[in-house]
Amino acid sequence: MALIRLTAEKLKSRVAGDVESETAVDDVLEEIDRLHQIIEPLLFL
């Protein structure tokens, strides 16, 4: 999960200036956060 987030953050710096791409990457980062919130408790079951 951390690698996916790192890749998305790296991509965000590459698309700086393109509002549509930045928005898409922000959406991906939000979804990564949501997945993390779902997966983290499951690891302790």
C-alpha atoms as a PDB file:
ATOM      1  CA  MET A   1       0.000   0.000   0.000  1.00  0.00           C
ATOM      2  CA  ALA A   2       2.851   2.341   0.836  1.00  0.00           C
ATOM      3  CA  LEU A   3       4.425   1.737  -2.564  1.00  0.00           C
ATOM      4  CA  ILE A   4       1.187   2.622  -4.337  1.00  0.00           C
ATOM      5  CA  ARG A   5       0.912   5.841  -2.320  1.00  0.00           C
ATOM      6  CA  LEU A   6       4.538   6.735  -3.010  1.00  0.00           C
ATOM      7  CA  THR A   7       4.032   6.200  -6.735  1.00  0.00           C
ATOM      8  CA  ALA A   8       0.912   8.392  -6.740  1.00  0.00           C
ATOM      9  CA  GLU A   9       2.707  11.161  -4.858  1.00  0.00           C
ATOM     10  CA  LYS A  10       5.595  10.994  -7.320  1.00  0.00           C
ATOM     11  CA  LEU A  11       3.128  11.157 -10.202  1.00  0.00           C
ATOM     12  CA  LYS A  12       1.468  14.221  -8.677  1.00  0.00           C
ATOM     13  CA  SER A  13       4.724  16.157  -8.859  1.00  0.00           C
ATOM     14  CA  ARG A  14       5.116  15.157 -12.517  1.00  0.00           C
ATOM     15  CA  VAL A  15       1.657  16.385 -13.520  1.00  0.00           C
ATOM     16  CA  ALA A  16       1.947  19.684 -11.652  1.00  0.00           C
ATOM     17  CA  GLY A  17       0.252  22.386 -13.653  1.00  0.00           C
ATOM     18  CA  ASP A  18      -2.310  20.087 -15.276  1.00  0.00           C
ATOM     19  CA  VAL A  19      -5.382  20.639 -13.111  1.00  0.00           C
ATOM     20  CA  GLU A  20      -7.301  17.635 -14.443  1.00  0.00           C
ATOM     21  CA  SER A  21      -4.401  15.250 -13.816  1.00  0.00           C
ATOM     22  CA  GLU A  22      -3.729  16.685 -10.373  1.00  0.00           C
ATOM     23  CA  THR A  23      -7.388  16.170  -9.478  1.00  0.00           C
ATOM     24  CA  ALA A  24      -7.251  12.576 -10.683  1.00  0.00           C
ATOM     25  CA  VAL A  25      -4.128  11.872  -8.634  1.00  0.00           C
ATOM     26  CA  ASP A  26      -5.747  13.489  -5.580  1.00  0.00           C
ATOM     27  CA  ASP A  27      -8.712  11.153  -6.061  1.00  0.00           C
ATOM     28  CA  VAL A  28      -6.346   8.179  -6.207  1.00  0.00           C
ATOM     29  CA  LEU A  29      -4.643   9.313  -2.992  1.00  0.00           C
ATOM     30  CA  GLU A  30      -8.031   9.624  -1.260  1.00  0.00           C
ATOM     31  CA  GLU A  31      -8.978   6.108  -2.360  1.00  0.00           C
ATOM     32  CA  ILE A  32      -5.653   4.788  -1.088  1.00  0.00           C
ATOM     33  CA  ASP A  33      -6.428   6.347   2.305  1.00  0.00           C
ATOM     34  CA  ARG A  34      -9.870   4.707   2.313  1.00  0.00           C
ATOM     35  CA  LEU A  35      -8.391   1.324   1.427  1.00  0.00           C
ATOM     36  CA  HIS A  36      -5.837   1.722   4.200  1.00  0.00           C
ATOM     37  CA  GLN A  37      -8.628   2.394   6.709  1.00  0.00           C
ATOM     38  CA  ILE A  38     -10.410  -0.781   5.587  1.00  0.00           C
ATOM     39  CA  ILE A  39      -7.369  -3.050   5.379  1.00  0.00           C
ATOM     40  CA  GLU A  40      -5.568  -1.992   8.572  1.00  0.00           C
ATOM     41  CA  PRO A  41      -8.165  -3.425  11.011  1.00  0.00           C
ATOM     42  CA  LEU A  42      -8.425  -6.613   8.964  1.00  0.00           C
ATOM     43  CA  LEU A  43      -4.733  -7.302   9.490  1.00  0.00           C
ATOM     44  CA  PHE A  44      -5.385  -7.721  13.212  1.00  0.00           C
ATOM     45  CA  LEU A  45      -8.188 -10.267  12.905  1.00  0.00           C
END
